[in-house]
């Protein structure tokens, strides 16, 4: 009994993900590291988002910057 993966390989629709991409010169291709700005890094870390705190009566309100 053949698996779906074997059938896809026969038809040419499946590519093995473990193979490296070779260029015409014979060197393997490597992705350049992504350079992010300071603003982008802060956004990813979530430091520019509003902060919330509990006040009297259990209400959650926005505190600090961004009000």
PDB file of N, CA and C in Angstrom:
ATOM      1  N   UNK A   1       0.841  -1.179   0.000  1.00  0.00           N
ATOM      2  CA  UNK A   1       0.000   0.000   0.000  1.00  0.00           C
ATOM      3  C   UNK A   1       0.885   1.240   0.000  1.00  0.00           C
ATOM      4  N   UNK A   2       0.641   2.115  -0.940  1.00  0.00           N
ATOM      5  CA  UNK A   2       1.436   3.328  -1.045  1.00  0.00           C
ATOM      6  C   UNK A   2       0.827   4.435  -0.195  1.00  0.00           C
ATOM      7  N   UNK A   3       1.700   5.288   0.290  1.00  0.00           N
ATOM      8  CA  UNK A   3       1.218   6.412   1.083  1.00  0.00           C
ATOM      9  C   UNK A   3       0.946   7.598   0.170  1.00  0.00           C
ATOM     10  N   UNK A   4       0.265   8.564   0.706  1.00  0.00           N
ATOM     11  CA  UNK A   4      -0.033   9.775  -0.045  1.00  0.00           C
ATOM     12  C   UNK A   4       1.258  10.497  -0.424  1.00  0.00           C
ATOM     13  N   UNK A   5       2.220  10.466   0.479  1.00  0.00           N
ATOM     14  CA  UNK A   5       3.496  11.123   0.229  1.00  0.00           C
ATOM     15  C   UNK A   5       4.222  10.469  -0.956  1.00  0.00           C
ATOM     16  N   UNK A   6       4.192   9.141  -1.041  1.00  0.00           N
ATOM     17  CA  UNK A   6       4.812   8.440  -2.164  1.00  0.00           C
ATOM     18  C   UNK A   6       4.122   8.790  -3.479  1.00  0.00           C
ATOM     19  N   UNK A   7       2.812   8.892  -3.447  1.00  0.00           N
ATOM     20  CA  UNK A   7       2.068   9.237  -4.657  1.00  0.00           C
ATOM     21  C   UNK A   7       2.398  10.650  -5.115  1.00  0.00           C
ATOM     22  N   UNK A   8       2.530  11.576  -4.166  1.00  0.00           N
ATOM     23  CA  UNK A   8       2.877  12.944  -4.526  1.00  0.00           C
ATOM     24  C   UNK A   8       4.284  13.025  -5.108  1.00  0.00           C
ATOM     25  N   UNK A   9       5.210  12.220  -4.589  1.00  0.00           N
ATOM     26  CA  UNK A   9       6.569  12.195  -5.129  1.00  0.00           C
ATOM     27  C   UNK A   9       6.571  11.692  -6.566  1.00  0.00           C
ATOM     28  N   UNK A  10       5.760  10.675  -6.854  1.00  0.00           N
ATOM     29  CA  UNK A  10       5.669  10.139  -8.209  1.00  0.00           C
ATOM     30  C   UNK A  10       5.166  11.184  -9.187  1.00  0.00           C
ATOM     31  N   UNK A  11       4.167  11.934  -8.781  1.00  0.00           N
ATOM     32  CA  UNK A  11       3.575  12.939  -9.662  1.00  0.00           C
ATOM     33  C   UNK A  11       4.433  14.203  -9.760  1.00  0.00           C
ATOM     34  N   UNK A  12       5.375  14.371  -8.824  1.00  0.00           N
ATOM     35  CA  UNK A  12       6.243  15.540  -8.867  1.00  0.00           C
ATOM     36  C   UNK A  12       5.721  16.722  -8.082  1.00  0.00           C
ATOM     37  N   UNK A  13       4.743  16.492  -7.212  1.00  0.00           N
ATOM     38  CA  UNK A  13       4.173  17.581  -6.428  1.00  0.00           C
ATOM     39  C   UNK A  13       4.826  17.741  -5.063  1.00  0.00           C
ATOM     40  N   UNK A  14       5.624  16.777  -4.653  1.00  0.00           N
ATOM     41  CA  UNK A  14       6.207  16.801  -3.313  1.00  0.00           C
ATOM     42  C   UNK A  14       7.700  17.039  -3.416  1.00  0.00           C
ATOM     43  N   UNK A  15       8.195  17.991  -2.635  1.00  0.00           N
ATOM     44  CA  UNK A  15       9.630  18.250  -2.574  1.00  0.00           C
ATOM     45  C   UNK A  15      10.086  17.994  -1.149  1.00  0.00           C
ATOM     46  N   UNK A  16      11.196  17.320  -1.007  1.00  0.00           N
ATOM     47  CA  UNK A  16      11.729  17.014   0.310  1.00  0.00           C
ATOM     48  C   UNK A  16      12.255  18.295   0.943  1.00  0.00           C
ATOM     49  N   UNK A  17      11.816  18.603   2.154  1.00  0.00           N
ATOM     50  CA  UNK A  17      12.193  19.851   2.807  1.00  0.00           C
ATOM     51  C   UNK A  17      13.603  19.823   3.357  1.00  0.00           C
ATOM     52  N   UNK A  18      14.206  18.665   3.487  1.00  0.00           N
ATOM     53  CA  UNK A  18      15.535  18.567   4.073  1.00  0.00           C
ATOM     54  C   UNK A  18      16.653  18.837   3.076  1.00  0.00           C
ATOM     55  N   UNK A  19      16.333  18.950   1.808  1.00  0.00           N
ATOM     56  CA  UNK A  19      17.373  19.187   0.811  1.00  0.00           C
ATOM     57  C   UNK A  19      17.734  20.659   0.785  1.00  0.00           C
ATOM     58  N   UNK A  20      19.030  20.932   0.605  1.00  0.00           N
ATOM     59  CA  UNK A  20      19.490  22.316   0.522  1.00  0.00           C
ATOM     60  C   UNK A  20      19.314  22.816  -0.897  1.00  0.00           C
ATOM     61  N   UNK A  21      19.097  24.102  -1.029  1.00  0.00           N
ATOM     62  CA  UNK A  21      18.965  24.706  -2.341  1.00  0.00           C
ATOM     63  C   UNK A  21      20.366  25.014  -2.850  1.00  0.00           C
ATOM     64  N   UNK A  22      20.707  24.474  -4.013  1.00  0.00           N
ATOM     65  CA  UNK A  22      22.023  24.702  -4.596  1.00  0.00           C
ATOM     66  C   UNK A  22      21.895  25.707  -5.730  1.00  0.00           C
ATOM     67  N   UNK A  23      22.819  26.649  -5.777  1.00  0.00           N
ATOM     68  CA  UNK A  23      22.859  27.607  -6.868  1.00  0.00           C
ATOM     69  C   UNK A  23      23.626  27.001  -8.033  1.00  0.00           C
ATOM     70  N   UNK A  24      23.618  27.700  -9.175  1.00  0.00           N
ATOM     71  CA  UNK A  24      24.311  27.196 -10.353  1.00  0.00           C
ATOM     72  C   UNK A  24      25.813  27.085 -10.109  1.00  0.00           C
ATOM     73  N   UNK A  25      26.354  27.938  -9.246  1.00  0.00           N
ATOM     74  CA  UNK A  25      27.786  27.910  -8.991  1.00  0.00           C
ATOM     75  C   UNK A  25      28.172  26.760  -8.064  1.00  0.00           C
ATOM     76  N   UNK A  26      27.192  26.073  -7.486  1.00  0.00           N
ATOM     77  CA  UNK A  26      27.474  24.940  -6.618  1.00  0.00           C
ATOM     78  C   UNK A  26      27.455  25.292  -5.144  1.00  0.00           C
ATOM     79  N   UNK A  27      27.349  26.571  -4.821  1.00  0.00           N
ATOM     80  CA  UNK A  27      27.310  26.983  -3.420  1.00  0.00           C
ATOM     81  C   UNK A  27      25.879  26.888  -2.906  1.00  0.00           C
ATOM     82  N   UNK A  28      25.738  26.548  -1.645  1.00  0.00           N
ATOM     83  CA  UNK A  28      24.401  26.470  -1.068  1.00  0.00           C
ATOM     84  C   UNK A  28      23.919  27.872  -0.707  1.00  0.00           C
ATOM     85  N   UNK A  29      22.616  28.059  -0.749  1.00  0.00           N
ATOM     86  CA  UNK A  29      22.003  29.358  -0.508  1.00  0.00           C
ATOM     87  C   UNK A  29      21.678  29.487   0.967  1.00  0.00           C
ATOM     88  N   UNK A  30      21.966  30.637   1.534  1.00  0.00           N
ATOM     89  CA  UNK A  30      21.655  30.879   2.938  1.00  0.00           C
ATOM     90  C   UNK A  30      20.913  32.213   3.047  1.00  0.00           C
ATOM     91  N   UNK A  31      19.854  32.218   3.843  1.00  0.00           N
ATOM     92  CA  UNK A  31      19.046  33.426   4.016  1.00  0.00           C
ATOM     93  C   UNK A  31      19.802  34.444   4.851  1.00  0.00           C
ATOM     94  N   UNK A  32      19.748  35.709   4.421  1.00  0.00           N
ATOM     95  CA  UNK A  32      20.389  36.778   5.178  1.00  0.00           C
ATOM     96  C   UNK A  32      19.563  37.070   6.427  1.00  0.00           C
ATOM     97  N   UNK A  33      20.219  37.396   7.542  1.00  0.00           N
ATOM     98  CA  UNK A  33      19.458  37.702   8.760  1.00  0.00           C
ATOM     99  C   UNK A  33      18.641  38.982   8.584  1.00  0.00           C
ATOM    100  N   UNK A  34      17.446  38.959   9.135  1.00  0.00           N
ATOM    101  CA  UNK A  34      16.552  40.104   9.010  1.00  0.00           C
ATOM    102  C   UNK A  34      16.997  41.199   9.966  1.00  0.00           C
ATOM    103  N   UNK A  35      17.137  42.407   9.447  1.00  0.00           N
ATOM    104  CA  UNK A  35      17.554  43.530  10.284  1.00  0.00           C
ATOM    105  C   UNK A  35      16.320  44.357  10.617  1.00  0.00           C
ATOM    106  N   UNK A  36      16.016  44.442  11.903  1.00  0.00           N
ATOM    107  CA  UNK A  36      14.847  45.179  12.359  1.00  0.00           C
ATOM    108  C   UNK A  36      15.277  46.471  13.025  1.00  0.00           C
ATOM    109  N   UNK A  37      14.466  47.502  12.859  1.00  0.00           N
ATOM    110  CA  UNK A  37      14.754  48.772  13.510  1.00  0.00           C
ATOM    111  C   UNK A  37      14.405  48.674  14.995  1.00  0.00           C
ATOM    112  N   UNK A  38      14.845  49.667  15.751  1.00  0.00           N
ATOM    113  CA  UNK A  38      14.565  49.697  17.187  1.00  0.00           C
ATOM    114  C   UNK A  38      13.057  49.746  17.435  1.00  0.00           C
ATOM    115  N   UNK A  39      12.358  50.502  16.607  1.00  0.00           N
ATOM    116  CA  UNK A  39      10.908  50.621  16.748  1.00  0.00           C
ATOM    117  C   UNK A  39      10.211  49.278  16.488  1.00  0.00           C
ATOM    118  N   UNK A  40      10.687  48.555  15.462  1.00  0.00           N
ATOM    119  CA  UNK A  40      10.103  47.249  15.159  1.00  0.00           C
ATOM    120  C   UNK A  40      10.334  46.258  16.290  1.00  0.00           C
ATOM    121  N   UNK A  41      11.536  46.270  16.874  1.00  0.00           N
ATOM    122  CA  UNK A  41      11.828  45.368  17.986  1.00  0.00           C
ATOM    123  C   UNK A  41      10.945  45.663  19.188  1.00  0.00           C
ATOM    124  N   UNK A  42      10.752  46.941  19.489  1.00  0.00           N
ATOM    125  CA  UNK A  42       9.891  47.312  20.617  1.00  0.00           C
ATOM    126  C   UNK A  42       8.447  46.872  20.371  1.00  0.00           C
ATOM    127  N   UNK A  43       7.992  46.981  19.129  1.00  0.00           N
ATOM    128  CA  UNK A  43       6.635  46.563  18.802  1.00  0.00           C
ATOM    129  C   UNK A  43       6.479  45.053  18.970  1.00  0.00           C
ATOM    130  N   UNK A  44       7.487  44.284  18.559  1.00  0.00           N
ATOM    131  CA  UNK A  44       7.427  42.833  18.707  1.00  0.00           C
ATOM    132  C   UNK A  44       7.427  42.413  20.169  1.00  0.00           C
ATOM    133  N   UNK A  45       8.167  43.152  21.005  1.00  0.00           N
ATOM    134  CA  UNK A  45       8.227  42.823  22.429  1.00  0.00           C
ATOM    135  C   UNK A  45       6.996  43.305  23.179  1.00  0.00           C
ATOM    136  N   UNK A  46       6.224  44.198  22.565  1.00  0.00           N
ATOM    137  CA  UNK A  46       4.998  44.667  23.189  1.00  0.00           C
ATOM    138  C   UNK A  46       5.192  45.800  24.171  1.00  0.00           C
ATOM    139  N   UNK A  47       6.300  46.543  24.086  1.00  0.00           N
ATOM    140  CA  UNK A  47       6.533  47.620  25.040  1.00  0.00           C
ATOM    141  C   UNK A  47       5.753  48.876  24.692  1.00  0.00           C
ATOM    142  N   UNK A  48       5.276  49.013  23.462  1.00  0.00           N
ATOM    143  CA  UNK A  48       4.526  50.208  23.076  1.00  0.00           C
ATOM    144  C   UNK A  48       3.025  50.039  23.281  1.00  0.00           C
ATOM    145  N   UNK A  49       2.619  48.930  23.842  1.00  0.00           N
ATOM    146  CA  UNK A  49       1.194  48.682  24.047  1.00  0.00           C
ATOM    147  C   UNK A  49       0.735  49.287  25.365  1.00  0.00           C
ATOM    148  N   UNK A  50      -0.533  49.620  25.458  1.00  0.00           N
ATOM    149  CA  UNK A  50      -1.042  50.172  26.714  1.00  0.00           C
ATOM    150  C   UNK A  50      -1.016  49.132  27.827  1.00  0.00           C
ATOM    151  N   UNK A  51      -0.801  49.610  29.060  1.00  0.00           N
ATOM    152  CA  UNK A  51      -0.800  48.721  30.221  1.00  0.00           C
ATOM    153  C   UNK A  51      -2.060  48.964  31.033  1.00  0.00           C
ATOM    154  N   UNK A  52      -2.550  47.921  31.666  1.00  0.00           N
ATOM    155  CA  UNK A  52      -3.785  48.005  32.425  1.00  0.00           C
ATOM    156  C   UNK A  52      -3.539  47.568  33.859  1.00  0.00           C
ATOM    157  N   UNK A  53      -4.303  48.153  34.776  1.00  0.00           N
ATOM    158  CA  UNK A  53      -4.173  47.800  36.178  1.00  0.00           C
ATOM    159  C   UNK A  53      -5.526  47.728  36.846  1.00  0.00           C
ATOM    160  N   UNK A  54      -5.563  47.056  37.987  1.00  0.00           N
ATOM    161  CA  UNK A  54      -6.817  46.923  38.728  1.00  0.00           C
ATOM    162  C   UNK A  54      -6.951  48.095  39.690  1.00  0.00           C
ATOM    163  N   UNK A  55      -8.099  48.684  39.714  1.00  0.00           N
ATOM    164  CA  UNK A  55      -8.394  49.809  40.610  1.00  0.00           C
ATOM    165  C   UNK A  55      -9.494  49.402  41.580  1.00  0.00           C
ATOM    166  N   UNK A  56      -9.997  50.360  42.307  1.00  0.00           N
ATOM    167  CA  UNK A  56     -11.050  50.089  43.292  1.00  0.00           C
ATOM    168  C   UNK A  56     -12.259  49.450  42.619  1.00  0.00           C
ATOM    169  N   UNK A  57     -12.811  48.467  43.287  1.00  0.00           N
ATOM    170  CA  UNK A  57     -13.987  47.791  42.748  1.00  0.00           C
ATOM    171  C   UNK A  57     -13.647  46.724  41.726  1.00  0.00           C
ATOM    172  N   UNK A  58     -12.376  46.446  41.527  1.00  0.00           N
ATOM    173  CA  UNK A  58     -11.976  45.398  40.590  1.00  0.00           C
ATOM    174  C   UNK A  58     -11.980  45.829  39.136  1.00  0.00           C
ATOM    175  N   UNK A  59     -12.176  47.138  38.900  1.00  0.00           N
ATOM    176  CA  UNK A  59     -12.218  47.608  37.520  1.00  0.00           C
ATOM    177  C   UNK A  59     -10.815  47.616  36.926  1.00  0.00           C
ATOM    178  N   UNK A  60     -10.713  47.219  35.692  1.00  0.00           N
ATOM    179  CA  UNK A  60      -9.423  47.240  34.998  1.00  0.00           C
ATOM    180  C   UNK A  60      -9.393  48.490  34.138  1.00  0.00           C
ATOM    181  N   UNK A  61      -8.421  49.352  34.416  1.00  0.00           N
ATOM    182  CA  UNK A  61      -8.306  50.609  33.689  1.00  0.00           C
ATOM    183  C   UNK A  61      -6.906  50.762  33.134  1.00  0.00           C
ATOM    184  N   UNK A  62      -6.818  51.590  32.107  1.00  0.00           N
ATOM    185  CA  UNK A  62      -5.520  51.841  31.498  1.00  0.00           C
ATOM    186  C   UNK A  62      -4.712  52.769  32.395  1.00  0.00           C
ATOM    187  N   UNK A  63      -3.440  52.413  32.613  1.00  0.00           N
ATOM    188  CA  UNK A  63      -2.569  53.232  33.445  1.00  0.00           C
ATOM    189  C   UNK A  63      -1.337  53.609  32.648  1.00  0.00           C
ATOM    190  N   UNK A  64      -0.666  54.640  33.082  1.00  0.00           N
ATOM    191  CA  UNK A  64       0.601  55.021  32.466  1.00  0.00           C
ATOM    192  C   UNK A  64       0.427  55.694  31.126  1.00  0.00           C
ATOM    193  N   UNK A  65       1.440  55.488  30.267  1.00  0.00           N
ATOM    194  CA  UNK A  65       1.456  56.113  28.947  1.00  0.00           C
ATOM    195  C   UNK A  65       0.345  55.601  28.051  1.00  0.00           C
ATOM    196  N   UNK A  66       0.065  56.379  27.000  1.00  0.00           N
ATOM    197  CA  UNK A  66      -0.901  55.946  26.007  1.00  0.00           C
ATOM    198  C   UNK A  66      -2.338  56.215  26.373  1.00  0.00           C
ATOM    199  N   UNK A  67      -2.549  57.023  27.367  1.00  0.00           N
ATOM    200  CA  UNK A  67      -3.899  57.318  27.814  1.00  0.00           C
ATOM    201  C   UNK A  67      -4.618  58.256  26.918  1.00  0.00           C
TER     202      UNK A  67
END
